[in-house]
């Protein structure tokens, strides 16, 4: 077989609907995985930041963390999977566009429109994904308190508080909120035997305050705070998310590290030591993934055009088969 025949066979294969369908199926699978699996907000090339993020999601992924990282499924936006699929889609669109120009005079109007929709839809997918890879970003685990604005300091954004129970929320062009999980918010207050408030401290660098708020979630299930005047450190560990809301509370001597006591708190309640009372008020908190994808509308339009073009071909094939059956019946 000559090289010209091989080239013609390759051209015909690239022009087949089967080739394009497989590429679109791969892109659809990548899109589904990016919604189901946590996605790194940084590129794997930034090893320090990527390692810190992996440490945060490892409690939720467990033993699957290593294989998913090796496969690149936790960083699909920059993975070889997506880049290869987009490169193949570019090739398929280029071949189809060249074939459309060459066969334009021989095609009926319906087929011209259908094939043009495939080329335009493929170009919109490429443009949309390119905009996402260039300008898009993800904040993987953002926790907000009920009724309070959502603040994203790294992006310089302040969003209105999420309302309702919908999993997907839209906040302007290309900006989406995905409700991924539910965490626990703890509000802590303490009083001594005389009923006077005791100051709490979240860290050695923070200022003491009468009321302290902590957020626990699957990526960050632990939190610490201290009562410096009582020489006590508290560790709160979320063992079960809402609605069970089970929290392990451990109390240590800050000077010696000695474990004073531990208990499991379900919901809200009080803890007592020899000279103070600690009140913990728990609140379910939505854990959100904030996604900015400026190419999402173009990508959605591209998928729509490709779907309509596919249905148009099925309709045309069905109409052709019906005509053949009618002609056969008439001839008989």
C-alpha atoms as a PDB file:
ATOM      1  CA  UNK A   1       0.000   0.000   0.000  1.00  0.00           C
ATOM      2  CA  UNK A   2       1.428   3.382  -1.043  1.00  0.00           C
ATOM      3  CA  UNK A   3       1.793   6.337   1.306  1.00  0.00           C
ATOM      4  CA  UNK A   4      -0.923   8.162  -0.621  1.00  0.00           C
ATOM      5  CA  UNK A   5      -3.404   5.363   0.073  1.00  0.00           C
ATOM      6  CA  UNK A   6      -2.425   5.339   3.723  1.00  0.00           C
ATOM      7  CA  UNK A   7      -2.886   9.101   3.911  1.00  0.00           C
ATOM      8  CA  UNK A   8      -6.332   8.803   2.302  1.00  0.00           C
ATOM      9  CA  UNK A   9      -7.313   6.088   4.801  1.00  0.00           C
ATOM     10  CA  UNK A  10      -6.144   8.230   7.716  1.00  0.00           C
ATOM     11  CA  UNK A  11      -8.060  11.220   6.317  1.00  0.00           C
ATOM     12  CA  UNK A  12     -11.229   9.144   5.979  1.00  0.00           C
ATOM     13  CA  UNK A  13     -10.808   7.823   9.534  1.00  0.00           C
ATOM     14  CA  UNK A  14     -10.382  11.330  10.927  1.00  0.00           C
ATOM     15  CA  UNK A  15     -13.536  12.395   9.055  1.00  0.00           C
ATOM     16  CA  UNK A  16     -15.676   9.600  10.508  1.00  0.00           C
ATOM     17  CA  UNK A  17     -18.360  10.352  13.087  1.00  0.00           C
ATOM     18  CA  UNK A  18     -16.978   7.521  15.242  1.00  0.00           C
ATOM     19  CA  UNK A  19     -13.671   9.360  15.719  1.00  0.00           C
ATOM     20  CA  UNK A  20     -15.397  12.591  16.741  1.00  0.00           C
ATOM     21  CA  UNK A  21     -17.824  10.742  19.031  1.00  0.00           C
ATOM     22  CA  UNK A  22     -14.980   9.070  20.905  1.00  0.00           C
ATOM     23  CA  UNK A  23     -13.204  12.388  21.417  1.00  0.00           C
ATOM     24  CA  UNK A  24     -16.383  14.003  22.719  1.00  0.00           C
ATOM     25  CA  UNK A  25     -16.968  11.025  25.035  1.00  0.00           C
ATOM     26  CA  UNK A  26     -13.451  11.466  26.447  1.00  0.00           C
ATOM     27  CA  UNK A  27     -14.028  15.200  26.985  1.00  0.00           C
ATOM     28  CA  UNK A  28     -17.363  14.470  28.653  1.00  0.00           C
ATOM     29  CA  UNK A  29     -15.688  11.964  30.980  1.00  0.00           C
ATOM     30  CA  UNK A  30     -12.992  14.510  31.876  1.00  0.00           C
ATOM     31  CA  UNK A  31     -15.681  17.082  32.636  1.00  0.00           C
ATOM     32  CA  UNK A  32     -17.562  14.602  34.834  1.00  0.00           C
ATOM     33  CA  UNK A  33     -14.428  13.633  36.748  1.00  0.00           C
ATOM     34  CA  UNK A  34     -13.564  17.295  37.345  1.00  0.00           C
ATOM     35  CA  UNK A  35     -16.955  17.756  39.005  1.00  0.00           C
ATOM     36  CA  UNK A  36     -16.832  14.567  41.089  1.00  0.00           C
ATOM     37  CA  UNK A  37     -13.194  14.634  42.220  1.00  0.00           C
ATOM     38  CA  UNK A  38     -11.516  17.514  44.079  1.00  0.00           C
ATOM     39  CA  UNK A  39      -9.350  19.546  41.714  1.00  0.00           C
ATOM     40  CA  UNK A  40      -6.119  21.261  42.690  1.00  0.00           C
ATOM     41  CA  UNK A  41      -6.280  25.069  42.624  1.00  0.00           C
ATOM     42  CA  UNK A  42      -2.612  25.150  41.555  1.00  0.00           C
ATOM     43  CA  UNK A  43      -0.637  23.353  38.865  1.00  0.00           C
ATOM     44  CA  UNK A  44       1.385  20.246  39.880  1.00  0.00           C
ATOM     45  CA  UNK A  45       4.501  22.078  38.680  1.00  0.00           C
ATOM     46  CA  UNK A  46       4.180  24.254  41.800  1.00  0.00           C
ATOM     47  CA  UNK A  47       5.287  21.352  43.973  1.00  0.00           C
ATOM     48  CA  UNK A  48       5.174  23.100  47.350  1.00  0.00           C
ATOM     49  CA  UNK A  49       1.642  24.467  46.951  1.00  0.00           C
ATOM     50  CA  UNK A  50       0.428  21.250  45.312  1.00  0.00           C
ATOM     51  CA  UNK A  51       1.821  19.137  48.172  1.00  0.00           C
ATOM     52  CA  UNK A  52       0.099  21.352  50.753  1.00  0.00           C
ATOM     53  CA  UNK A  53      -3.201  20.957  48.920  1.00  0.00           C
ATOM     54  CA  UNK A  54      -2.766  17.169  48.715  1.00  0.00           C
ATOM     55  CA  UNK A  55      -2.211  17.038  52.463  1.00  0.00           C
ATOM     56  CA  UNK A  56      -5.535  18.833  52.960  1.00  0.00           C
ATOM     57  CA  UNK A  57      -7.569  16.460  50.750  1.00  0.00           C
ATOM     58  CA  UNK A  58      -5.833  13.247  51.803  1.00  0.00           C
ATOM     59  CA  UNK A  59      -8.144  12.634  54.800  1.00  0.00           C
ATOM     60  CA  UNK A  60     -11.133  12.640  52.434  1.00  0.00           C
ATOM     61  CA  UNK A  61      -9.532  10.563  49.633  1.00  0.00           C
ATOM     62  CA  UNK A  62      -7.557   8.150  51.819  1.00  0.00           C
ATOM     63  CA  UNK A  63      -5.610   5.472  49.948  1.00  0.00           C
ATOM     64  CA  UNK A  64      -6.909   6.757  46.606  1.00  0.00           C
ATOM     65  CA  UNK A  65      -4.833   9.943  46.878  1.00  0.00           C
ATOM     66  CA  UNK A  66      -1.641   8.482  45.376  1.00  0.00           C
ATOM     67  CA  UNK A  67      -3.174   6.682  42.346  1.00  0.00           C
ATOM     68  CA  UNK A  68      -5.451   9.617  41.508  1.00  0.00           C
ATOM     69  CA  UNK A  69      -2.464  11.971  41.668  1.00  0.00           C
ATOM     70  CA  UNK A  70      -0.367   9.676  39.456  1.00  0.00           C
ATOM     71  CA  UNK A  71      -3.159   9.488  36.870  1.00  0.00           C
ATOM     72  CA  UNK A  72      -3.497  13.262  36.886  1.00  0.00           C
ATOM     73  CA  UNK A  73      -7.180  13.109  37.821  1.00  0.00           C
ATOM     74  CA  UNK A  74      -6.770  15.656  40.634  1.00  0.00           C
ATOM     75  CA  UNK A  75      -5.401  18.266  38.208  1.00  0.00           C
ATOM     76  CA  UNK A  76      -7.409  17.601  35.061  1.00  0.00           C
ATOM     77  CA  UNK A  77      -7.350  21.237  33.923  1.00  0.00           C
ATOM     78  CA  UNK A  78      -3.637  20.956  33.160  1.00  0.00           C
ATOM     79  CA  UNK A  79      -3.433  17.198  32.607  1.00  0.00           C
ATOM     80  CA  UNK A  80      -2.191  15.333  29.553  1.00  0.00           C
ATOM     81  CA  UNK A  81      -5.661  13.767  29.300  1.00  0.00           C
ATOM     82  CA  UNK A  82      -7.366  17.072  28.574  1.00  0.00           C
ATOM     83  CA  UNK A  83      -4.591  18.480  26.398  1.00  0.00           C
ATOM     84  CA  UNK A  84      -4.526  15.313  24.264  1.00  0.00           C
ATOM     85  CA  UNK A  85      -8.306  15.277  23.878  1.00  0.00           C
ATOM     86  CA  UNK A  86      -8.323  18.948  22.838  1.00  0.00           C
ATOM     87  CA  UNK A  87      -5.496  18.334  20.359  1.00  0.00           C
ATOM     88  CA  UNK A  88      -7.438  15.454  18.783  1.00  0.00           C
ATOM     89  CA  UNK A  89     -10.581  17.582  18.678  1.00  0.00           C
ATOM     90  CA  UNK A  90      -8.625  20.334  16.891  1.00  0.00           C
ATOM     91  CA  UNK A  91      -7.464  17.784  14.323  1.00  0.00           C
ATOM     92  CA  UNK A  92     -10.969  16.415  13.810  1.00  0.00           C
ATOM     93  CA  UNK A  93     -12.466  19.902  13.386  1.00  0.00           C
ATOM     94  CA  UNK A  94      -9.743  20.919  10.906  1.00  0.00           C
ATOM     95  CA  UNK A  95     -10.294  17.789   8.800  1.00  0.00           C
ATOM     96  CA  UNK A  96     -14.072  18.215   8.832  1.00  0.00           C
ATOM     97  CA  UNK A  97     -13.797  21.906   7.908  1.00  0.00           C
ATOM     98  CA  UNK A  98     -11.545  21.081   4.953  1.00  0.00           C
ATOM     99  CA  UNK A  99     -13.910  18.315   3.833  1.00  0.00           C
ATOM    100  CA  UNK A 100     -16.893  20.655   4.141  1.00  0.00           C
ATOM    101  CA  UNK A 101     -15.252  23.278   1.920  1.00  0.00           C
ATOM    102  CA  UNK A 102     -14.315  20.661  -0.658  1.00  0.00           C
ATOM    103  CA  UNK A 103     -17.751  19.019  -0.842  1.00  0.00           C
ATOM    104  CA  UNK A 104     -19.864  22.181  -0.367  1.00  0.00           C
ATOM    105  CA  UNK A 105     -21.252  22.341  -3.961  1.00  0.00           C
ATOM    106  CA  UNK A 106     -22.455  18.717  -3.839  1.00  0.00           C
ATOM    107  CA  UNK A 107     -24.248  18.989  -0.471  1.00  0.00           C
ATOM    108  CA  UNK A 108     -27.900  19.788   0.073  1.00  0.00           C
ATOM    109  CA  UNK A 109     -28.778  22.726   2.324  1.00  0.00           C
ATOM    110  CA  UNK A 110     -29.632  20.534   5.319  1.00  0.00           C
ATOM    111  CA  UNK A 111     -26.289  18.731   5.196  1.00  0.00           C
ATOM    112  CA  UNK A 112     -24.408  22.007   4.767  1.00  0.00           C
ATOM    113  CA  UNK A 113     -26.038  23.383   7.911  1.00  0.00           C
ATOM    114  CA  UNK A 114     -25.489  20.188   9.900  1.00  0.00           C
ATOM    115  CA  UNK A 115     -21.809  19.896   9.046  1.00  0.00           C
ATOM    116  CA  UNK A 116     -21.277  23.608   9.664  1.00  0.00           C
ATOM    117  CA  UNK A 117     -22.832  23.188  13.127  1.00  0.00           C
ATOM    118  CA  UNK A 118     -20.328  20.419  13.886  1.00  0.00           C
ATOM    119  CA  UNK A 119     -17.383  22.622  12.893  1.00  0.00           C
ATOM    120  CA  UNK A 120     -18.677  25.649  14.797  1.00  0.00           C
ATOM    121  CA  UNK A 121     -19.567  23.526  17.842  1.00  0.00           C
ATOM    122  CA  UNK A 122     -16.086  21.995  17.900  1.00  0.00           C
ATOM    123  CA  UNK A 123     -14.460  25.439  17.612  1.00  0.00           C
ATOM    124  CA  UNK A 124     -16.581  26.743  20.504  1.00  0.00           C
ATOM    125  CA  UNK A 125     -15.507  23.794  22.657  1.00  0.00           C
ATOM    126  CA  UNK A 126     -11.859  24.522  21.886  1.00  0.00           C
ATOM    127  CA  UNK A 127     -12.280  28.242  22.570  1.00  0.00           C
ATOM    128  CA  UNK A 128     -14.202  27.651  25.802  1.00  0.00           C
ATOM    129  CA  UNK A 129     -11.698  25.141  27.162  1.00  0.00           C
ATOM    130  CA  UNK A 130      -8.831  27.404  26.143  1.00  0.00           C
ATOM    131  CA  UNK A 131     -10.356  30.321  28.087  1.00  0.00           C
ATOM    132  CA  UNK A 132     -10.821  28.061  31.109  1.00  0.00           C
ATOM    133  CA  UNK A 133      -7.198  26.871  31.038  1.00  0.00           C
ATOM    134  CA  UNK A 134      -5.874  30.417  30.568  1.00  0.00           C
ATOM    135  CA  UNK A 135      -8.024  32.535  32.881  1.00  0.00           C
ATOM    136  CA  UNK A 136     -10.053  30.094  34.994  1.00  0.00           C
ATOM    137  CA  UNK A 137      -9.406  29.317  38.647  1.00  0.00           C
ATOM    138  CA  UNK A 138     -10.850  27.168  41.437  1.00  0.00           C
ATOM    139  CA  UNK A 139     -11.125  27.699  45.192  1.00  0.00           C
ATOM    140  CA  UNK A 140     -11.627  24.073  46.295  1.00  0.00           C
ATOM    141  CA  UNK A 141     -12.920  24.366  49.879  1.00  0.00           C
ATOM    142  CA  UNK A 142     -14.564  27.606  50.964  1.00  0.00           C
ATOM    143  CA  UNK A 143     -16.663  27.605  54.130  1.00  0.00           C
ATOM    144  CA  UNK A 144     -19.183  30.317  54.846  1.00  0.00           C
ATOM    145  CA  UNK A 145     -21.255  31.071  57.912  1.00  0.00           C
ATOM    146  CA  UNK A 146     -25.049  31.421  57.503  1.00  0.00           C
ATOM    147  CA  UNK A 147     -26.092  34.865  56.295  1.00  0.00           C
ATOM    148  CA  UNK A 148     -22.523  36.121  55.835  1.00  0.00           C
ATOM    149  CA  UNK A 149     -20.853  37.152  52.606  1.00  0.00           C
ATOM    150  CA  UNK A 150     -18.408  34.803  50.923  1.00  0.00           C
ATOM    151  CA  UNK A 151     -14.954  36.437  50.965  1.00  0.00           C
ATOM    152  CA  UNK A 152     -12.199  35.261  48.600  1.00  0.00           C
ATOM    153  CA  UNK A 153      -9.167  37.374  49.519  1.00  0.00           C
ATOM    154  CA  UNK A 154      -6.813  35.769  46.978  1.00  0.00           C
ATOM    155  CA  UNK A 155      -9.216  36.637  44.151  1.00  0.00           C
ATOM    156  CA  UNK A 156     -10.278  39.987  45.568  1.00  0.00           C
ATOM    157  CA  UNK A 157     -13.947  38.989  45.550  1.00  0.00           C
ATOM    158  CA  UNK A 158     -16.810  39.280  48.010  1.00  0.00           C
ATOM    159  CA  UNK A 159     -19.914  37.306  47.040  1.00  0.00           C
ATOM    160  CA  UNK A 160     -23.425  37.389  48.412  1.00  0.00           C
ATOM    161  CA  UNK A 161     -24.216  34.587  50.895  1.00  0.00           C
ATOM    162  CA  UNK A 162     -25.484  31.339  49.341  1.00  0.00           C
ATOM    163  CA  UNK A 163     -29.161  30.621  49.925  1.00  0.00           C
ATOM    164  CA  UNK A 164     -31.426  27.651  49.320  1.00  0.00           C
ATOM    165  CA  UNK A 165     -30.509  24.008  48.931  1.00  0.00           C
ATOM    166  CA  UNK A 166     -29.438  23.930  45.297  1.00  0.00           C
ATOM    167  CA  UNK A 167     -26.140  22.184  44.615  1.00  0.00           C
ATOM    168  CA  UNK A 168     -25.179  24.627  41.824  1.00  0.00           C
ATOM    169  CA  UNK A 169     -25.351  28.404  42.196  1.00  0.00           C
ATOM    170  CA  UNK A 170     -24.358  31.068  39.687  1.00  0.00           C
ATOM    171  CA  UNK A 171     -22.747  34.343  40.711  1.00  0.00           C
ATOM    172  CA  UNK A 172     -22.244  36.388  37.557  1.00  0.00           C
ATOM    173  CA  UNK A 173     -20.572  35.562  34.261  1.00  0.00           C
ATOM    174  CA  UNK A 174     -18.546  32.361  34.475  1.00  0.00           C
ATOM    175  CA  UNK A 175     -18.627  32.271  38.295  1.00  0.00           C
ATOM    176  CA  UNK A 176     -20.237  29.250  39.945  1.00  0.00           C
ATOM    177  CA  UNK A 177     -20.623  27.842  43.456  1.00  0.00           C
ATOM    178  CA  UNK A 178     -20.742  24.070  43.889  1.00  0.00           C
ATOM    179  CA  UNK A 179     -21.972  22.737  47.254  1.00  0.00           C
ATOM    180  CA  UNK A 180     -19.580  19.803  47.790  1.00  0.00           C
ATOM    181  CA  UNK A 181     -19.972  18.984  51.472  1.00  0.00           C
ATOM    182  CA  UNK A 182     -21.297  20.157  54.830  1.00  0.00           C
ATOM    183  CA  UNK A 183     -18.986  21.115  57.674  1.00  0.00           C
ATOM    184  CA  UNK A 184     -19.512  22.173  61.263  1.00  0.00           C
ATOM    185  CA  UNK A 185     -19.141  25.650  62.675  1.00  0.00           C
ATOM    186  CA  UNK A 186     -18.335  25.906  66.394  1.00  0.00           C
ATOM    187  CA  UNK A 187     -18.842  29.047  68.419  1.00  0.00           C
ATOM    188  CA  UNK A 188     -17.036  28.801  71.770  1.00  0.00           C
ATOM    189  CA  UNK A 189     -17.547  30.870  74.913  1.00  0.00           C
ATOM    190  CA  UNK A 190     -16.252  30.303  78.450  1.00  0.00           C
ATOM    191  CA  UNK A 191     -17.108  31.580  81.931  1.00  0.00           C
ATOM    192  CA  UNK A 192     -15.467  31.128  85.316  1.00  0.00           C
ATOM    193  CA  UNK A 193     -17.244  30.120  88.549  1.00  0.00           C
ATOM    194  CA  UNK A 194     -18.270  33.721  89.165  1.00  0.00           C
ATOM    195  CA  UNK A 195     -19.948  33.935  85.761  1.00  0.00           C
ATOM    196  CA  UNK A 196     -17.364  36.278  84.273  1.00  0.00           C
ATOM    197  CA  UNK A 197     -16.293  35.617  80.674  1.00  0.00           C
ATOM    198  CA  UNK A 198     -12.917  33.985  80.120  1.00  0.00           C
ATOM    199  CA  UNK A 199     -10.927  35.067  77.060  1.00  0.00           C
ATOM    200  CA  UNK A 200     -10.250  32.522  74.322  1.00  0.00           C
ATOM    201  CA  UNK A 201      -7.373  32.504  71.865  1.00  0.00           C
ATOM    202  CA  UNK A 202      -7.269  30.786  68.439  1.00  0.00           C
ATOM    203  CA  UNK A 203      -3.462  30.911  68.183  1.00  0.00           C
ATOM    204  CA  UNK A 204      -0.453  32.488  69.846  1.00  0.00           C
ATOM    205  CA  UNK A 205      -0.500  35.275  67.236  1.00  0.00           C
ATOM    206  CA  UNK A 206      -4.219  36.115  67.585  1.00  0.00           C
ATOM    207  CA  UNK A 207      -5.770  38.486  70.085  1.00  0.00           C
ATOM    208  CA  UNK A 208      -7.802  36.989  72.984  1.00  0.00           C
ATOM    209  CA  UNK A 209     -11.560  37.371  72.623  1.00  0.00           C
ATOM    210  CA  UNK A 210     -14.713  36.433  74.507  1.00  0.00           C
ATOM    211  CA  UNK A 211     -16.294  34.518  71.625  1.00  0.00           C
ATOM    212  CA  UNK A 212     -14.411  32.366  69.137  1.00  0.00           C
ATOM    213  CA  UNK A 213     -15.597  30.753  65.926  1.00  0.00           C
ATOM    214  CA  UNK A 214     -14.074  27.620  64.378  1.00  0.00           C
ATOM    215  CA  UNK A 215     -14.868  25.849  61.106  1.00  0.00           C
ATOM    216  CA  UNK A 216     -14.460  22.081  60.704  1.00  0.00           C
ATOM    217  CA  UNK A 217     -14.747  20.289  57.355  1.00  0.00           C
ATOM    218  CA  UNK A 218     -13.602  17.093  55.652  1.00  0.00           C
ATOM    219  CA  UNK A 219     -10.396  18.719  54.286  1.00  0.00           C
ATOM    220  CA  UNK A 220      -9.696  20.372  57.674  1.00  0.00           C
ATOM    221  CA  UNK A 221     -11.422  18.294  60.380  1.00  0.00           C
ATOM    222  CA  UNK A 222      -9.329  19.625  63.309  1.00  0.00           C
ATOM    223  CA  UNK A 223      -9.138  22.962  65.091  1.00  0.00           C
ATOM    224  CA  UNK A 224      -7.403  24.182  68.249  1.00  0.00           C
ATOM    225  CA  UNK A 225      -8.005  27.007  70.686  1.00  0.00           C
ATOM    226  CA  UNK A 226      -6.727  27.905  74.135  1.00  0.00           C
ATOM    227  CA  UNK A 227      -7.745  29.450  77.450  1.00  0.00           C
ATOM    228  CA  UNK A 228      -4.429  31.026  78.483  1.00  0.00           C
ATOM    229  CA  UNK A 229      -5.659  32.081  81.934  1.00  0.00           C
ATOM    230  CA  UNK A 230      -6.652  28.485  82.724  1.00  0.00           C
ATOM    231  CA  UNK A 231      -3.545  26.894  81.145  1.00  0.00           C
ATOM    232  CA  UNK A 232      -5.778  24.791  78.848  1.00  0.00           C
ATOM    233  CA  UNK A 233      -5.696  23.913  75.146  1.00  0.00           C
ATOM    234  CA  UNK A 234      -8.743  22.435  73.375  1.00  0.00           C
ATOM    235  CA  UNK A 235      -8.683  20.199  70.314  1.00  0.00           C
ATOM    236  CA  UNK A 236     -11.903  19.796  68.321  1.00  0.00           C
ATOM    237  CA  UNK A 237     -11.983  16.928  65.810  1.00  0.00           C
ATOM    238  CA  UNK A 238     -14.986  16.379  63.515  1.00  0.00           C
ATOM    239  CA  UNK A 239     -15.747  12.656  63.525  1.00  0.00           C
ATOM    240  CA  UNK A 240     -19.049  12.824  61.622  1.00  0.00           C
ATOM    241  CA  UNK A 241     -20.488  15.697  59.543  1.00  0.00           C
ATOM    242  CA  UNK A 242     -24.087  16.928  59.861  1.00  0.00           C
ATOM    243  CA  UNK A 243     -26.728  15.744  60.410  1.00  0.00           C
ATOM    244  CA  UNK A 244     -24.916  13.461  62.916  1.00  0.00           C
ATOM    245  CA  UNK A 245     -22.491  16.277  63.842  1.00  0.00           C
ATOM    246  CA  UNK A 246     -20.217  14.251  66.111  1.00  0.00           C
ATOM    247  CA  UNK A 247     -17.218  16.175  67.474  1.00  0.00           C
ATOM    248  CA  UNK A 248     -14.438  14.820  69.685  1.00  0.00           C
ATOM    249  CA  UNK A 249     -13.247  17.383  72.238  1.00  0.00           C
ATOM    250  CA  UNK A 250      -9.898  16.879  73.987  1.00  0.00           C
ATOM    251  CA  UNK A 251      -8.558  19.170  76.738  1.00  0.00           C
ATOM    252  CA  UNK A 252      -4.804  19.440  77.428  1.00  0.00           C
ATOM    253  CA  UNK A 253      -2.607  21.317  79.876  1.00  0.00           C
ATOM    254  CA  UNK A 254      -0.761  23.822  77.715  1.00  0.00           C
ATOM    255  CA  UNK A 255       2.261  23.868  80.024  1.00  0.00           C
ATOM    256  CA  UNK A 256       2.794  20.092  80.180  1.00  0.00           C
ATOM    257  CA  UNK A 257       0.805  18.656  77.245  1.00  0.00           C
ATOM    258  CA  UNK A 258      -1.057  16.369  79.681  1.00  0.00           C
ATOM    259  CA  UNK A 259      -4.476  15.155  78.498  1.00  0.00           C
ATOM    260  CA  UNK A 260      -6.967  16.363  81.106  1.00  0.00           C
ATOM    261  CA  UNK A 261     -10.121  14.818  79.658  1.00  0.00           C
ATOM    262  CA  UNK A 262     -11.891  14.055  76.415  1.00  0.00           C
ATOM    263  CA  UNK A 263     -15.485  13.648  75.364  1.00  0.00           C
ATOM    264  CA  UNK A 264     -17.678  13.419  72.283  1.00  0.00           C
ATOM    265  CA  UNK A 265     -20.105  16.223  71.600  1.00  0.00           C
ATOM    266  CA  UNK A 266     -23.230  15.688  69.504  1.00  0.00           C
ATOM    267  CA  UNK A 267     -24.586  19.031  68.423  1.00  0.00           C
ATOM    268  CA  UNK A 268     -24.231  21.806  70.994  1.00  0.00           C
ATOM    269  CA  UNK A 269     -23.425  21.495  74.686  1.00  0.00           C
ATOM    270  CA  UNK A 270     -21.392  22.517  77.722  1.00  0.00           C
ATOM    271  CA  UNK A 271     -18.084  21.239  79.040  1.00  0.00           C
ATOM    272  CA  UNK A 272     -17.076  21.711  82.666  1.00  0.00           C
ATOM    273  CA  UNK A 273     -13.697  21.765  84.369  1.00  0.00           C
ATOM    274  CA  UNK A 274     -12.911  22.477  88.009  1.00  0.00           C
ATOM    275  CA  UNK A 275     -13.186  26.236  87.657  1.00  0.00           C
ATOM    276  CA  UNK A 276     -14.903  27.110  84.362  1.00  0.00           C
ATOM    277  CA  UNK A 277     -17.741  26.285  81.968  1.00  0.00           C
ATOM    278  CA  UNK A 278     -17.193  26.099  78.200  1.00  0.00           C
ATOM    279  CA  UNK A 279     -20.195  26.377  75.879  1.00  0.00           C
ATOM    280  CA  UNK A 280     -19.918  25.097  72.296  1.00  0.00           C
ATOM    281  CA  UNK A 281     -22.663  25.993  69.808  1.00  0.00           C
ATOM    282  CA  UNK A 282     -22.523  23.979  66.558  1.00  0.00           C
ATOM    283  CA  UNK A 283     -23.962  25.079  63.216  1.00  0.00           C
ATOM    284  CA  UNK A 284     -23.980  23.226  59.865  1.00  0.00           C
ATOM    285  CA  UNK A 285     -21.810  25.110  57.374  1.00  0.00           C
ATOM    286  CA  UNK A 286     -21.856  24.632  53.594  1.00  0.00           C
ATOM    287  CA  UNK A 287     -18.493  23.709  52.106  1.00  0.00           C
ATOM    288  CA  UNK A 288     -18.303  25.205  48.630  1.00  0.00           C
ATOM    289  CA  UNK A 289     -16.112  24.893  45.582  1.00  0.00           C
ATOM    290  CA  UNK A 290     -15.925  28.266  43.857  1.00  0.00           C
ATOM    291  CA  UNK A 291     -15.239  27.976  40.129  1.00  0.00           C
ATOM    292  CA  UNK A 292     -14.471  30.753  37.689  1.00  0.00           C
ATOM    293  CA  UNK A 293     -14.718  29.477  34.126  1.00  0.00           C
ATOM    294  CA  UNK A 294     -15.093  32.310  31.591  1.00  0.00           C
ATOM    295  CA  UNK A 295     -15.365  29.805  28.753  1.00  0.00           C
ATOM    296  CA  UNK A 296     -18.320  27.901  30.240  1.00  0.00           C
ATOM    297  CA  UNK A 297     -21.059  29.638  28.131  1.00  0.00           C
ATOM    298  CA  UNK A 298     -19.104  28.990  24.917  1.00  0.00           C
ATOM    299  CA  UNK A 299     -18.476  25.381  25.911  1.00  0.00           C
ATOM    300  CA  UNK A 300     -22.172  24.859  26.683  1.00  0.00           C
ATOM    301  CA  UNK A 301     -23.165  26.353  23.317  1.00  0.00           C
ATOM    302  CA  UNK A 302     -20.635  24.102  21.580  1.00  0.00           C
ATOM    303  CA  UNK A 303     -22.079  20.990  23.235  1.00  0.00           C
ATOM    304  CA  UNK A 304     -25.574  22.125  22.221  1.00  0.00           C
ATOM    305  CA  UNK A 305     -24.633  22.587  18.562  1.00  0.00           C
ATOM    306  CA  UNK A 306     -22.929  19.182  18.449  1.00  0.00           C
ATOM    307  CA  UNK A 307     -25.943  17.514  20.062  1.00  0.00           C
ATOM    308  CA  UNK A 308     -28.352  19.148  17.589  1.00  0.00           C
ATOM    309  CA  UNK A 309     -26.118  18.133  14.681  1.00  0.00           C
ATOM    310  CA  UNK A 310     -26.044  14.543  15.946  1.00  0.00           C
ATOM    311  CA  UNK A 311     -29.825  14.433  16.299  1.00  0.00           C
ATOM    312  CA  UNK A 312     -30.127  15.963  12.829  1.00  0.00           C
ATOM    313  CA  UNK A 313     -28.138  13.103  11.337  1.00  0.00           C
ATOM    314  CA  UNK A 314     -30.300  10.524  13.092  1.00  0.00           C
ATOM    315  CA  UNK A 315     -33.408  12.300  11.817  1.00  0.00           C
ATOM    316  CA  UNK A 316     -32.028  12.366   8.261  1.00  0.00           C
ATOM    317  CA  UNK A 317     -31.065   8.675   8.419  1.00  0.00           C
ATOM    318  CA  UNK A 318     -34.507   7.766   9.742  1.00  0.00           C
ATOM    319  CA  UNK A 319     -36.176   9.775   7.011  1.00  0.00           C
ATOM    320  CA  UNK A 320     -33.998   8.097   4.376  1.00  0.00           C
ATOM    321  CA  UNK A 321     -34.821   4.608   5.684  1.00  0.00           C
ATOM    322  CA  UNK A 322     -38.507   5.444   5.709  1.00  0.00           C
ATOM    323  CA  UNK A 323     -38.283   6.590   2.102  1.00  0.00           C
ATOM    324  CA  UNK A 324     -36.493   3.378   1.118  1.00  0.00           C
ATOM    325  CA  UNK A 325     -39.168   1.257   2.779  1.00  0.00           C
ATOM    326  CA  UNK A 326     -41.912   3.264   1.047  1.00  0.00           C
ATOM    327  CA  UNK A 327     -40.247   2.816  -2.337  1.00  0.00           C
ATOM    328  CA  UNK A 328     -39.871  -0.911  -1.735  1.00  0.00           C
ATOM    329  CA  UNK A 329     -43.550  -1.266  -0.830  1.00  0.00           C
ATOM    330  CA  UNK A 330     -44.614   0.719  -3.895  1.00  0.00           C
ATOM    331  CA  UNK A 331     -42.409  -1.369  -6.191  1.00  0.00           C
ATOM    332  CA  UNK A 332     -43.829  -4.599  -4.816  1.00  0.00           C
END
